[in-house]
Amino acid sequence: MLFIDNGGGNDPALNLALEEYTLRRLSGDEPILLFYINKPSIIIGKNQNTAEEVNSAYTEAHSIDVVRRLSGGGAVYHDLGNLNFSFITQDDGNSFHNFRKFTEPVVKALRDMGVDAELSGRNDIQVGERKISGNAMFATGGRMFCHGTLLFDSHMEDVSAALKPNPLKFESKATKSIRARVANISEFLAEPMTIEQFRSRILASIFGGASEIPQLRLTEADWEAVRQLADRRYRSWDWNYGLSPAFNVRQHKRLPAGTFDIRMDVQEGRISEAAVYGDFFGRGEIGDVTEMLQGLRYDRESLAAAFEGVDLTFYFGAVTMDEWLDLLI
């Protein structure tokens, strides 16, 4: 097995691009291990509706990135207290869905540190009833990876808040995340350590205590290709939001200006149909508002830009921009 050092970068788009580039371009018989730690971000599963998984008001207010990954499964929160690992190998036809094969070295490393970890259910690592790691897989062109999180010292309040949309607001057939009771690994350690020390312990255990870790070193041409892939895919609105399955939005809310009932159909991340009902008082035609909504990207930034300078009181009475955006998304 060879190890790829990502240089300590915390950009989720770049780290996911590095993982994909390694999978598709750095082929070979030797398995590859990649570690990365991301700045605060939500990583969306390939088949999920981004809007349905993310509390967009919270992520924007706290500068939390939202990036879609290649693998399926549920949305996960990453931050500087979360170590991510990825095993990249040949697809031998027997390893896909075999999470135990790839998590076993990680579980052993945790147990060597005194953490009573075990693979639980299909793809989680738990300590008792508490989840400390979720794992997912992706395969293409005879290659595959199994990657997972290790919640070492994450901000649990951010995990909860960032992944807390209104379940009554969306209706779709997208893959929905199942929330489990999570915990930080640091809670179970006999002695405190930094995440860098934790990373070193996991790495040394996986490589059998070798004094020198065998590495696969990327060239500058490799890194340039990774950066281009990050820009083309993982920073792309079309990938992160537009790829979401079609869904319907309904928001019913009482504001000081009256009761609002917002209904929208969203396809490929854009509003295709919209209707606004309620007992508010306004002078303008609501049809003008719904016409403005059609075709817009379904994200807070785009909606805010579209309604900048619009006199909302003309249509709804005493409604602020923040109240209007909260009704929509």
C-alpha atoms as a PDB file:
ATOM      1  CA  MET A   1       0.000   0.000   0.000  1.00  0.00           C
ATOM      2  CA  LEU A   2       1.149   3.546  -0.792  1.00  0.00           C
ATOM      3  CA  PHE A   3       0.233   6.745   1.032  1.00  0.00           C
ATOM      4  CA  ILE A   4      -0.568  10.075  -0.649  1.00  0.00           C
ATOM      5  CA  ASP A   5       0.175  13.178   1.416  1.00  0.00           C
ATOM      6  CA  ASN A   6      -2.317  15.915   0.474  1.00  0.00           C
ATOM      7  CA  GLY A   7      -0.004  18.593   1.856  1.00  0.00           C
ATOM      8  CA  GLY A   8      -2.300  19.440   4.738  1.00  0.00           C
ATOM      9  CA  GLY A   9      -4.844  21.244   2.539  1.00  0.00           C
ATOM     10  CA  ASN A  10      -8.297  21.773   4.058  1.00  0.00           C
ATOM     11  CA  ASP A  11     -10.256  22.702   0.895  1.00  0.00           C
ATOM     12  CA  PRO A  12     -13.045  20.090   0.489  1.00  0.00           C
ATOM     13  CA  ALA A  13     -13.339  20.679  -3.261  1.00  0.00           C
ATOM     14  CA  LEU A  14      -9.612  20.105  -3.738  1.00  0.00           C
ATOM     15  CA  ASN A  15      -9.518  17.059  -1.472  1.00  0.00           C
ATOM     16  CA  LEU A  16     -12.442  15.368  -3.224  1.00  0.00           C
ATOM     17  CA  ALA A  17     -10.840  16.203  -6.579  1.00  0.00           C
ATOM     18  CA  LEU A  18      -7.581  14.608  -5.377  1.00  0.00           C
ATOM     19  CA  GLU A  19      -9.486  11.471  -4.419  1.00  0.00           C
ATOM     20  CA  GLU A  20     -11.199  11.263  -7.832  1.00  0.00           C
ATOM     21  CA  TYR A  21      -7.969  11.997  -9.722  1.00  0.00           C
ATOM     22  CA  THR A  22      -6.169   9.267  -7.795  1.00  0.00           C
ATOM     23  CA  LEU A  23      -8.970   6.828  -8.549  1.00  0.00           C
ATOM     24  CA  ARG A  24      -9.147   7.551 -12.279  1.00  0.00           C
ATOM     25  CA  ARG A  25      -5.597   8.512 -13.217  1.00  0.00           C
ATOM     26  CA  LEU A  26      -3.111   7.042 -10.740  1.00  0.00           C
ATOM     27  CA  SER A  27      -3.957   3.455 -11.541  1.00  0.00           C
ATOM     28  CA  GLY A  28      -1.876   0.485 -10.549  1.00  0.00           C
ATOM     29  CA  ASP A  29      -1.963  -2.751  -8.628  1.00  0.00           C
ATOM     30  CA  GLU A  30      -0.840  -1.152  -5.367  1.00  0.00           C
ATOM     31  CA  PRO A  31      -3.649   0.021  -3.041  1.00  0.00           C
ATOM     32  CA  ILE A  32      -3.490   3.705  -2.110  1.00  0.00           C
ATOM     33  CA  LEU A  33      -4.380   5.422   1.174  1.00  0.00           C
ATOM     34  CA  LEU A  34      -5.368   9.080   1.336  1.00  0.00           C
ATOM     35  CA  PHE A  35      -6.040  11.179   4.455  1.00  0.00           C
ATOM     36  CA  TYR A  36      -7.568  14.652   4.478  1.00  0.00           C
ATOM     37  CA  ILE A  37      -9.088  17.116   6.951  1.00  0.00           C
ATOM     38  CA  ASN A  38     -11.601  19.598   5.568  1.00  0.00           C
ATOM     39  CA  LYS A  39     -12.558  23.038   6.781  1.00  0.00           C
ATOM     40  CA  PRO A  40     -16.241  23.294   7.857  1.00  0.00           C
ATOM     41  CA  SER A  41     -18.315  21.770   5.054  1.00  0.00           C
ATOM     42  CA  ILE A  42     -21.252  19.522   4.294  1.00  0.00           C
ATOM     43  CA  ILE A  43     -20.457  16.654   1.949  1.00  0.00           C
ATOM     44  CA  ILE A  44     -23.581  15.541   0.079  1.00  0.00           C
ATOM     45  CA  GLY A  45     -24.126  11.998  -1.188  1.00  0.00           C
ATOM     46  CA  LYS A  46     -24.228  11.501  -4.956  1.00  0.00           C
ATOM     47  CA  ASN A  47     -27.980  10.769  -5.078  1.00  0.00           C
ATOM     48  CA  GLN A  48     -29.196  13.352  -2.590  1.00  0.00           C
ATOM     49  CA  ASN A  49     -31.221  16.541  -2.888  1.00  0.00           C
ATOM     50  CA  THR A  50     -28.871  19.206  -1.553  1.00  0.00           C
ATOM     51  CA  ALA A  51     -31.653  21.553  -0.462  1.00  0.00           C
ATOM     52  CA  GLU A  52     -33.298  18.751   1.483  1.00  0.00           C
ATOM     53  CA  GLU A  53     -30.175  17.978   3.503  1.00  0.00           C
ATOM     54  CA  VAL A  54     -28.750  21.410   4.258  1.00  0.00           C
ATOM     55  CA  ASN A  55     -29.815  24.253   6.533  1.00  0.00           C
ATOM     56  CA  SER A  56     -28.798  26.847   3.953  1.00  0.00           C
ATOM     57  CA  ALA A  57     -29.322  29.867   6.202  1.00  0.00           C
ATOM     58  CA  TYR A  58     -26.948  28.366   8.769  1.00  0.00           C
ATOM     59  CA  THR A  59     -24.309  27.252   6.264  1.00  0.00           C
ATOM     60  CA  GLU A  60     -24.192  30.677   4.613  1.00  0.00           C
ATOM     61  CA  ALA A  61     -24.086  32.549   7.917  1.00  0.00           C
ATOM     62  CA  HIS A  62     -21.184  30.369   9.100  1.00  0.00           C
ATOM     63  CA  SER A  63     -19.322  30.080   5.760  1.00  0.00           C
ATOM     64  CA  ILE A  64     -19.779  26.314   5.576  1.00  0.00           C
ATOM     65  CA  ASP A  65     -19.010  24.867   2.125  1.00  0.00           C
ATOM     66  CA  VAL A  66     -21.457  22.467   0.473  1.00  0.00           C
ATOM     67  CA  VAL A  67     -19.874  19.904  -1.881  1.00  0.00           C
ATOM     68  CA  ARG A  68     -21.300  16.792  -3.520  1.00  0.00           C
ATOM     69  CA  ARG A  69     -19.144  13.647  -3.546  1.00  0.00           C
ATOM     70  CA  LEU A  70     -19.029  10.745  -6.006  1.00  0.00           C
ATOM     71  CA  SER A  71     -20.241   8.076  -3.593  1.00  0.00           C
ATOM     72  CA  GLY A  72     -23.783   7.434  -2.403  1.00  0.00           C
ATOM     73  CA  GLY A  73     -25.069   7.455   1.155  1.00  0.00           C
ATOM     74  CA  GLY A  74     -26.051  10.329   3.404  1.00  0.00           C
ATOM     75  CA  ALA A  75     -24.840  13.860   4.018  1.00  0.00           C
ATOM     76  CA  VAL A  76     -22.021  14.304   6.540  1.00  0.00           C
ATOM     77  CA  TYR A  77     -20.516  17.309   8.289  1.00  0.00           C
ATOM     78  CA  HIS A  78     -16.761  17.875   8.107  1.00  0.00           C
ATOM     79  CA  ASP A  79     -14.627  20.309  10.055  1.00  0.00           C
ATOM     80  CA  LEU A  80     -11.053  20.599  11.324  1.00  0.00           C
ATOM     81  CA  GLY A  81     -11.829  18.037  14.032  1.00  0.00           C
ATOM     82  CA  ASN A  82     -12.784  15.337  11.543  1.00  0.00           C
ATOM     83  CA  LEU A  83     -10.197  13.050   9.903  1.00  0.00           C
ATOM     84  CA  ASN A  84     -11.227  11.504   6.590  1.00  0.00           C
ATOM     85  CA  PHE A  85      -9.634   8.418   5.078  1.00  0.00           C
ATOM     86  CA  SER A  86      -9.928   6.844   1.634  1.00  0.00           C
ATOM     87  CA  PHE A  87      -8.705   3.413   0.510  1.00  0.00           C
ATOM     88  CA  ILE A  88      -8.343   3.365  -3.298  1.00  0.00           C
ATOM     89  CA  THR A  89      -7.880  -0.045  -4.906  1.00  0.00           C
ATOM     90  CA  GLN A  90      -8.556  -2.251  -7.885  1.00  0.00           C
ATOM     91  CA  ASP A  91     -12.179  -3.435  -8.024  1.00  0.00           C
ATOM     92  CA  ASP A  92     -11.758  -7.199  -7.730  1.00  0.00           C
ATOM     93  CA  GLY A  93     -15.499  -7.845  -8.039  1.00  0.00           C
ATOM     94  CA  ASN A  94     -15.785  -8.988  -4.421  1.00  0.00           C
ATOM     95  CA  SER A  95     -14.905  -5.911  -2.373  1.00  0.00           C
ATOM     96  CA  PHE A  96     -17.735  -3.509  -3.182  1.00  0.00           C
ATOM     97  CA  HIS A  97     -20.191  -3.529  -0.247  1.00  0.00           C
ATOM     98  CA  ASN A  98     -17.559  -5.265   1.899  1.00  0.00           C
ATOM     99  CA  PHE A  99     -17.114  -2.403   4.348  1.00  0.00           C
ATOM    100  CA  ARG A 100     -15.483  -4.675   6.916  1.00  0.00           C
ATOM    101  CA  LYS A 101     -12.485  -5.239   4.628  1.00  0.00           C
ATOM    102  CA  PHE A 102     -11.676  -1.521   4.561  1.00  0.00           C
ATOM    103  CA  THR A 103     -12.755  -0.452   8.048  1.00  0.00           C
ATOM    104  CA  GLU A 104     -10.989  -3.309   9.856  1.00  0.00           C
ATOM    105  CA  PRO A 105      -7.543  -1.619   9.821  1.00  0.00           C
ATOM    106  CA  VAL A 106      -9.128   1.571  11.172  1.00  0.00           C
ATOM    107  CA  VAL A 107     -11.045  -0.294  13.876  1.00  0.00           C
ATOM    108  CA  LYS A 108      -7.822  -2.076  14.916  1.00  0.00           C
ATOM    109  CA  ALA A 109      -5.991   1.249  15.175  1.00  0.00           C
ATOM    110  CA  LEU A 110      -8.773   2.667  17.334  1.00  0.00           C
ATOM    111  CA  ARG A 111      -8.809  -0.388  19.578  1.00  0.00           C
ATOM    112  CA  ASP A 112      -5.030  -0.102  20.005  1.00  0.00           C
ATOM    113  CA  MET A 113      -5.716   3.402  21.388  1.00  0.00           C
ATOM    114  CA  GLY A 114      -8.228   2.014  23.858  1.00  0.00           C
ATOM    115  CA  VAL A 115     -11.355   2.949  21.896  1.00  0.00           C
ATOM    116  CA  ASP A 116     -13.893   0.103  21.946  1.00  0.00           C
ATOM    117  CA  ALA A 117     -14.828   0.545  18.281  1.00  0.00           C
ATOM    118  CA  GLU A 118     -16.611  -1.905  16.003  1.00  0.00           C
ATOM    119  CA  LEU A 119     -18.272  -1.965  12.594  1.00  0.00           C
ATOM    120  CA  SER A 120     -22.009  -1.697  13.132  1.00  0.00           C
ATOM    121  CA  GLY A 121     -24.833  -2.232  10.665  1.00  0.00           C
ATOM    122  CA  ARG A 122     -23.907  -1.747   7.037  1.00  0.00           C
ATOM    123  CA  ASN A 123     -21.272   0.969   7.064  1.00  0.00           C
ATOM    124  CA  ASP A 124     -20.835   2.715  10.420  1.00  0.00           C
ATOM    125  CA  ILE A 125     -18.141   2.456  13.071  1.00  0.00           C
ATOM    126  CA  GLN A 126     -19.582   2.840  16.552  1.00  0.00           C
ATOM    127  CA  VAL A 127     -18.613   2.840  20.191  1.00  0.00           C
ATOM    128  CA  GLY A 128     -21.582   1.224  21.866  1.00  0.00           C
ATOM    129  CA  GLU A 129     -24.658   2.964  20.458  1.00  0.00           C
ATOM    130  CA  ARG A 130     -22.798   6.076  19.354  1.00  0.00           C
ATOM    131  CA  LYS A 131     -21.535   6.587  15.805  1.00  0.00           C
ATOM    132  CA  ILE A 132     -17.977   7.832  15.298  1.00  0.00           C
ATOM    133  CA  SER A 133     -17.560   7.038  11.589  1.00  0.00           C
ATOM    134  CA  GLY A 134     -19.664   6.699   8.457  1.00  0.00           C
ATOM    135  CA  ASN A 135     -18.366   5.049   5.275  1.00  0.00           C
ATOM    136  CA  ALA A 136     -19.296   4.960   1.589  1.00  0.00           C
ATOM    137  CA  MET A 137     -18.015   3.441  -1.677  1.00  0.00           C
ATOM    138  CA  PHE A 138     -17.700   4.273  -5.356  1.00  0.00           C
ATOM    139  CA  ALA A 139     -16.514   2.155  -8.294  1.00  0.00           C
ATOM    140  CA  THR A 140     -15.696   2.962 -11.913  1.00  0.00           C
ATOM    141  CA  GLY A 141     -13.493   1.561 -14.678  1.00  0.00           C
ATOM    142  CA  GLY A 142     -12.216  -1.391 -12.676  1.00  0.00           C
ATOM    143  CA  ARG A 143     -11.198   0.801  -9.728  1.00  0.00           C
ATOM    144  CA  MET A 144     -12.974   1.652  -6.475  1.00  0.00           C
ATOM    145  CA  PHE A 145     -12.595   3.527  -3.244  1.00  0.00           C
ATOM    146  CA  CYS A 146     -14.005   3.147   0.239  1.00  0.00           C
ATOM    147  CA  HIS A 147     -13.864   6.361   2.212  1.00  0.00           C
ATOM    148  CA  GLY A 148     -15.025   7.350   5.651  1.00  0.00           C
ATOM    149  CA  THR A 149     -15.070   9.939   8.384  1.00  0.00           C
ATOM    150  CA  LEU A 150     -13.483   9.755  11.823  1.00  0.00           C
ATOM    151  CA  LEU A 151     -15.163  12.211  14.180  1.00  0.00           C
ATOM    152  CA  PHE A 152     -12.236  13.080  16.416  1.00  0.00           C
ATOM    153  CA  ASP A 153     -13.118  16.458  17.924  1.00  0.00           C
ATOM    154  CA  SER A 154     -15.851  17.967  15.744  1.00  0.00           C
ATOM    155  CA  HIS A 155     -18.156  20.774  16.862  1.00  0.00           C
ATOM    156  CA  MET A 156     -21.300  18.754  17.477  1.00  0.00           C
ATOM    157  CA  GLU A 157     -23.530  21.815  17.682  1.00  0.00           C
ATOM    158  CA  ASP A 158     -22.551  22.648  14.091  1.00  0.00           C
ATOM    159  CA  VAL A 159     -23.188  19.054  12.983  1.00  0.00           C
ATOM    160  CA  SER A 160     -26.737  19.323  14.271  1.00  0.00           C
ATOM    161  CA  ALA A 161     -27.473  22.845  13.072  1.00  0.00           C
ATOM    162  CA  ALA A 162     -25.965  22.560   9.586  1.00  0.00           C
ATOM    163  CA  LEU A 163     -27.807  19.312   8.840  1.00  0.00           C
ATOM    164  CA  LYS A 164     -31.212  20.396  10.107  1.00  0.00           C
ATOM    165  CA  PRO A 165     -33.601  21.422   7.309  1.00  0.00           C
ATOM    166  CA  ASN A 166     -37.374  21.473   7.718  1.00  0.00           C
ATOM    167  CA  PRO A 167     -38.563  17.892   6.957  1.00  0.00           C
ATOM    168  CA  LEU A 168     -42.078  19.126   6.156  1.00  0.00           C
ATOM    169  CA  LYS A 169     -40.848  21.577   3.555  1.00  0.00           C
ATOM    170  CA  PHE A 170     -39.613  19.168   0.881  1.00  0.00           C
ATOM    171  CA  GLU A 171     -41.159  16.283  -0.987  1.00  0.00           C
ATOM    172  CA  SER A 172     -38.929  14.173  -3.216  1.00  0.00           C
ATOM    173  CA  LYS A 173     -37.652  10.666  -3.847  1.00  0.00           C
ATOM    174  CA  ALA A 174     -34.028  11.559  -3.222  1.00  0.00           C
ATOM    175  CA  THR A 175     -31.905   9.490  -0.861  1.00  0.00           C
ATOM    176  CA  LYS A 176     -32.406  10.980   2.603  1.00  0.00           C
ATOM    177  CA  SER A 177     -29.859  10.923   5.398  1.00  0.00           C
ATOM    178  CA  ILE A 178     -30.590   8.927   8.520  1.00  0.00           C
ATOM    179  CA  ARG A 179     -29.331  10.738  11.596  1.00  0.00           C
ATOM    180  CA  ALA A 180     -27.639   8.698  14.286  1.00  0.00           C
ATOM    181  CA  ARG A 181     -26.456   9.593  17.762  1.00  0.00           C
ATOM    182  CA  VAL A 182     -22.876  10.673  17.103  1.00  0.00           C
ATOM    183  CA  ALA A 183     -19.836  11.085  19.340  1.00  0.00           C
ATOM    184  CA  ASN A 184     -16.278  12.328  19.155  1.00  0.00           C
ATOM    185  CA  ILE A 185     -13.474   9.778  19.444  1.00  0.00           C
ATOM    186  CA  SER A 186     -11.643  12.124  21.819  1.00  0.00           C
ATOM    187  CA  GLU A 187     -14.311  11.332  24.433  1.00  0.00           C
ATOM    188  CA  PHE A 188     -13.108   7.737  24.602  1.00  0.00           C
ATOM    189  CA  LEU A 189      -9.338   8.273  24.757  1.00  0.00           C
ATOM    190  CA  ALA A 190      -7.531   7.628  28.021  1.00  0.00           C
ATOM    191  CA  GLU A 191      -5.079  10.441  27.277  1.00  0.00           C
ATOM    192  CA  PRO A 192      -5.708  13.619  25.256  1.00  0.00           C
ATOM    193  CA  MET A 193      -4.027  14.088  21.881  1.00  0.00           C
ATOM    194  CA  THR A 194      -4.255  16.475  18.951  1.00  0.00           C
ATOM    195  CA  ILE A 195      -5.858  15.468  15.673  1.00  0.00           C
ATOM    196  CA  GLU A 196      -2.374  15.518  14.105  1.00  0.00           C
ATOM    197  CA  GLN A 197      -1.167  13.016  16.696  1.00  0.00           C
ATOM    198  CA  PHE A 198      -4.313  10.959  16.129  1.00  0.00           C
ATOM    199  CA  ARG A 199      -3.680  10.987  12.364  1.00  0.00           C
ATOM    200  CA  SER A 200      -0.089   9.804  12.917  1.00  0.00           C
ATOM    201  CA  ARG A 201      -1.250   6.966  15.183  1.00  0.00           C
ATOM    202  CA  ILE A 202      -3.836   5.771  12.648  1.00  0.00           C
ATOM    203  CA  LEU A 203      -1.311   5.986   9.797  1.00  0.00           C
ATOM    204  CA  ALA A 204       1.389   4.098  11.699  1.00  0.00           C
ATOM    205  CA  SER A 205      -1.060   1.351  12.677  1.00  0.00           C
ATOM    206  CA  ILE A 206      -2.326   0.848   9.119  1.00  0.00           C
ATOM    207  CA  PHE A 207       1.260   0.531   7.859  1.00  0.00           C
ATOM    208  CA  GLY A 208       2.191  -1.927  10.612  1.00  0.00           C
ATOM    209  CA  GLY A 209       4.424   0.465  12.541  1.00  0.00           C
ATOM    210  CA  ALA A 210       6.816   0.960   9.616  1.00  0.00           C
ATOM    211  CA  SER A 211       9.519   3.535  10.388  1.00  0.00           C
ATOM    212  CA  GLU A 212       9.073   5.049   6.919  1.00  0.00           C
ATOM    213  CA  ILE A 213       5.682   5.224   5.216  1.00  0.00           C
ATOM    214  CA  PRO A 214       5.881   4.329   1.485  1.00  0.00           C
ATOM    215  CA  GLN A 215       4.466   7.255  -0.478  1.00  0.00           C
ATOM    216  CA  LEU A 216       3.145   8.009  -3.934  1.00  0.00           C
ATOM    217  CA  ARG A 217       4.274  11.546  -4.695  1.00  0.00           C
ATOM    218  CA  LEU A 218       2.286  13.677  -7.109  1.00  0.00           C
ATOM    219  CA  THR A 219       4.012  15.808  -9.715  1.00  0.00           C
ATOM    220  CA  GLU A 220       3.159  19.457 -10.311  1.00  0.00           C
ATOM    221  CA  ALA A 221       1.310  18.326 -13.458  1.00  0.00           C
ATOM    222  CA  ASP A 222      -0.766  16.001 -11.273  1.00  0.00           C
ATOM    223  CA  TRP A 223      -1.610  18.822  -8.864  1.00  0.00           C
ATOM    224  CA  GLU A 224      -2.571  21.135 -11.726  1.00  0.00           C
ATOM    225  CA  ALA A 225      -4.962  18.477 -13.040  1.00  0.00           C
ATOM    226  CA  VAL A 226      -6.422  18.097  -9.527  1.00  0.00           C
ATOM    227  CA  ARG A 227      -6.977  21.863  -9.276  1.00  0.00           C
ATOM    228  CA  GLN A 228      -8.700  21.925 -12.656  1.00  0.00           C
ATOM    229  CA  LEU A 229     -10.960  19.039 -11.633  1.00  0.00           C
ATOM    230  CA  ALA A 230     -11.833  20.834  -8.384  1.00  0.00           C
ATOM    231  CA  ASP A 231     -12.864  23.934 -10.337  1.00  0.00           C
ATOM    232  CA  ARG A 232     -14.714  22.031 -13.049  1.00  0.00           C
ATOM    233  CA  ARG A 233     -16.689  19.699 -10.795  1.00  0.00           C
ATOM    234  CA  TYR A 234     -16.475  20.253  -7.061  1.00  0.00           C
ATOM    235  CA  ARG A 235     -16.840  24.036  -7.130  1.00  0.00           C
ATOM    236  CA  SER A 236     -19.592  23.836  -9.745  1.00  0.00           C
ATOM    237  CA  TRP A 237     -23.145  24.839  -8.826  1.00  0.00           C
ATOM    238  CA  ASP A 238     -24.424  22.390 -11.460  1.00  0.00           C
ATOM    239  CA  TRP A 239     -22.681  19.514  -9.644  1.00  0.00           C
ATOM    240  CA  ASN A 240     -23.337  20.528  -6.049  1.00  0.00           C
ATOM    241  CA  TYR A 241     -26.925  21.752  -6.479  1.00  0.00           C
ATOM    242  CA  GLY A 242     -28.158  21.255 -10.028  1.00  0.00           C
ATOM    243  CA  LEU A 243     -27.618  17.508  -9.932  1.00  0.00           C
ATOM    244  CA  SER A 244     -30.298  17.189  -7.227  1.00  0.00           C
ATOM    245  CA  PRO A 245     -33.379  15.103  -8.144  1.00  0.00           C
ATOM    246  CA  ALA A 246     -36.609  16.972  -8.876  1.00  0.00           C
ATOM    247  CA  PHE A 247     -38.512  17.932  -5.745  1.00  0.00           C
ATOM    248  CA  ASN A 248     -41.393  20.029  -4.461  1.00  0.00           C
ATOM    249  CA  VAL A 249     -41.260  22.735  -1.821  1.00  0.00           C
ATOM    250  CA  ARG A 250     -44.134  23.810   0.399  1.00  0.00           C
ATOM    251  CA  GLN A 251     -43.693  26.337   3.166  1.00  0.00           C
ATOM    252  CA  HIS A 252     -46.571  27.471   5.357  1.00  0.00           C
ATOM    253  CA  LYS A 253     -45.715  30.186   7.844  1.00  0.00           C
ATOM    254  CA  ARG A 254     -47.340  32.928   9.868  1.00  0.00           C
ATOM    255  CA  LEU A 255     -45.563  36.293   9.801  1.00  0.00           C
ATOM    256  CA  PRO A 256     -46.635  39.667  11.243  1.00  0.00           C
ATOM    257  CA  ALA A 257     -47.747  40.615   7.706  1.00  0.00           C
ATOM    258  CA  GLY A 258     -50.036  37.583   7.454  1.00  0.00           C
ATOM    259  CA  THR A 259     -50.063  33.877   6.617  1.00  0.00           C
ATOM    260  CA  PHE A 260     -47.967  32.686   3.669  1.00  0.00           C
ATOM    261  CA  ASP A 261     -48.256  29.435   1.712  1.00  0.00           C
ATOM    262  CA  ILE A 262     -45.348  29.040  -0.741  1.00  0.00           C
ATOM    263  CA  ARG A 263     -45.309  26.179  -3.257  1.00  0.00           C
ATOM    264  CA  MET A 264     -42.589  25.478  -5.798  1.00  0.00           C
ATOM    265  CA  ASP A 265     -41.459  22.731  -8.155  1.00  0.00           C
ATOM    266  CA  VAL A 266     -37.685  22.472  -8.558  1.00  0.00           C
ATOM    267  CA  GLN A 267     -35.979  20.619 -11.394  1.00  0.00           C
ATOM    268  CA  GLU A 268     -32.226  20.353 -11.943  1.00  0.00           C
ATOM    269  CA  GLY A 269     -31.775  22.827  -9.117  1.00  0.00           C
ATOM    270  CA  ARG A 270     -33.950  25.556 -10.669  1.00  0.00           C
ATOM    271  CA  ILE A 271     -37.493  26.685  -9.861  1.00  0.00           C
ATOM    272  CA  SER A 272     -39.770  25.524 -12.671  1.00  0.00           C
ATOM    273  CA  GLU A 273     -43.146  26.473 -11.144  1.00  0.00           C
ATOM    274  CA  ALA A 274     -44.087  28.718  -8.224  1.00  0.00           C
ATOM    275  CA  ALA A 275     -47.218  29.886  -6.448  1.00  0.00           C
ATOM    276  CA  VAL A 276     -47.716  32.194  -3.467  1.00  0.00           C
ATOM    277  CA  TYR A 277     -50.911  32.121  -1.402  1.00  0.00           C
ATOM    278  CA  GLY A 278     -51.891  33.834   1.841  1.00  0.00           C
ATOM    279  CA  ASP A 279     -53.971  36.425   3.655  1.00  0.00           C
ATOM    280  CA  PHE A 280     -51.372  39.202   3.484  1.00  0.00           C
ATOM    281  CA  PHE A 281     -52.242  42.624   2.073  1.00  0.00           C
ATOM    282  CA  GLY A 282     -50.350  44.023  -0.883  1.00  0.00           C
ATOM    283  CA  ARG A 283     -50.985  46.294  -3.839  1.00  0.00           C
ATOM    284  CA  GLY A 284     -48.903  44.470  -6.412  1.00  0.00           C
ATOM    285  CA  GLU A 285     -49.831  41.440  -8.506  1.00  0.00           C
ATOM    286  CA  ILE A 286     -48.484  38.196  -7.018  1.00  0.00           C
ATOM    287  CA  GLY A 287     -48.131  36.880 -10.558  1.00  0.00           C
ATOM    288  CA  ASP A 288     -45.222  39.309 -10.981  1.00  0.00           C
ATOM    289  CA  VAL A 289     -43.456  37.663  -8.047  1.00  0.00           C
ATOM    290  CA  THR A 290     -44.024  34.087  -9.215  1.00  0.00           C
ATOM    291  CA  GLU A 291     -42.814  35.050 -12.670  1.00  0.00           C
ATOM    292  CA  MET A 292     -39.614  36.402 -11.113  1.00  0.00           C
ATOM    293  CA  LEU A 293     -39.097  33.096  -9.299  1.00  0.00           C
ATOM    294  CA  GLN A 294     -39.340  30.875 -12.348  1.00  0.00           C
ATOM    295  CA  GLY A 295     -35.996  29.753 -13.696  1.00  0.00           C
ATOM    296  CA  LEU A 296     -33.983  30.920 -10.686  1.00  0.00           C
ATOM    297  CA  ARG A 297     -31.402  28.692  -9.071  1.00  0.00           C
ATOM    298  CA  TYR A 298     -32.808  27.295  -5.849  1.00  0.00           C
ATOM    299  CA  ASP A 299     -30.188  28.672  -3.500  1.00  0.00           C
ATOM    300  CA  ARG A 300     -30.314  31.589  -1.111  1.00  0.00           C
ATOM    301  CA  GLU A 301     -27.614  33.640  -2.834  1.00  0.00           C
ATOM    302  CA  SER A 302     -29.349  33.528  -6.223  1.00  0.00           C
ATOM    303  CA  LEU A 303     -32.757  34.318  -4.746  1.00  0.00           C
ATOM    304  CA  ALA A 304     -31.344  37.217  -2.741  1.00  0.00           C
ATOM    305  CA  ALA A 305     -29.690  38.636  -5.856  1.00  0.00           C
ATOM    306  CA  ALA A 306     -32.910  38.304  -7.888  1.00  0.00           C
ATOM    307  CA  PHE A 307     -34.987  40.216  -5.339  1.00  0.00           C
ATOM    308  CA  GLU A 308     -32.406  42.857  -4.485  1.00  0.00           C
ATOM    309  CA  GLY A 309     -34.064  46.243  -4.928  1.00  0.00           C
ATOM    310  CA  VAL A 310     -37.585  44.754  -5.142  1.00  0.00           C
ATOM    311  CA  ASP A 311     -40.090  46.520  -2.852  1.00  0.00           C
ATOM    312  CA  LEU A 312     -41.487  43.477  -1.047  1.00  0.00           C
ATOM    313  CA  THR A 313     -43.904  45.648   0.928  1.00  0.00           C
ATOM    314  CA  PHE A 314     -45.612  46.526  -2.360  1.00  0.00           C
ATOM    315  CA  TYR A 315     -46.583  42.879  -2.762  1.00  0.00           C
ATOM    316  CA  PHE A 316     -46.837  41.557   0.799  1.00  0.00           C
ATOM    317  CA  GLY A 317     -47.006  44.378   3.318  1.00  0.00           C
ATOM    318  CA  ALA A 318     -44.376  44.578   6.088  1.00  0.00           C
ATOM    319  CA  VAL A 319     -42.112  41.692   5.003  1.00  0.00           C
ATOM    320  CA  THR A 320     -38.327  41.932   5.232  1.00  0.00           C
ATOM    321  CA  MET A 321     -35.889  40.395   2.774  1.00  0.00           C
ATOM    322  CA  ASP A 322     -34.707  37.870   5.368  1.00  0.00           C
ATOM    323  CA  GLU A 323     -38.300  36.791   6.083  1.00  0.00           C
ATOM    324  CA  TRP A 324     -38.964  36.387   2.365  1.00  0.00           C
ATOM    325  CA  LEU A 325     -35.831  34.316   1.807  1.00  0.00           C
ATOM    326  CA  ASP A 326     -36.645  32.144   4.822  1.00  0.00           C
ATOM    327  CA  LEU A 327     -40.025  31.448   3.243  1.00  0.00           C
ATOM    328  CA  LEU A 328     -38.410  30.322   0.019  1.00  0.00           C
ATOM    329  CA  ILE A 329     -35.460  28.244   1.183  1.00  0.00           C
END
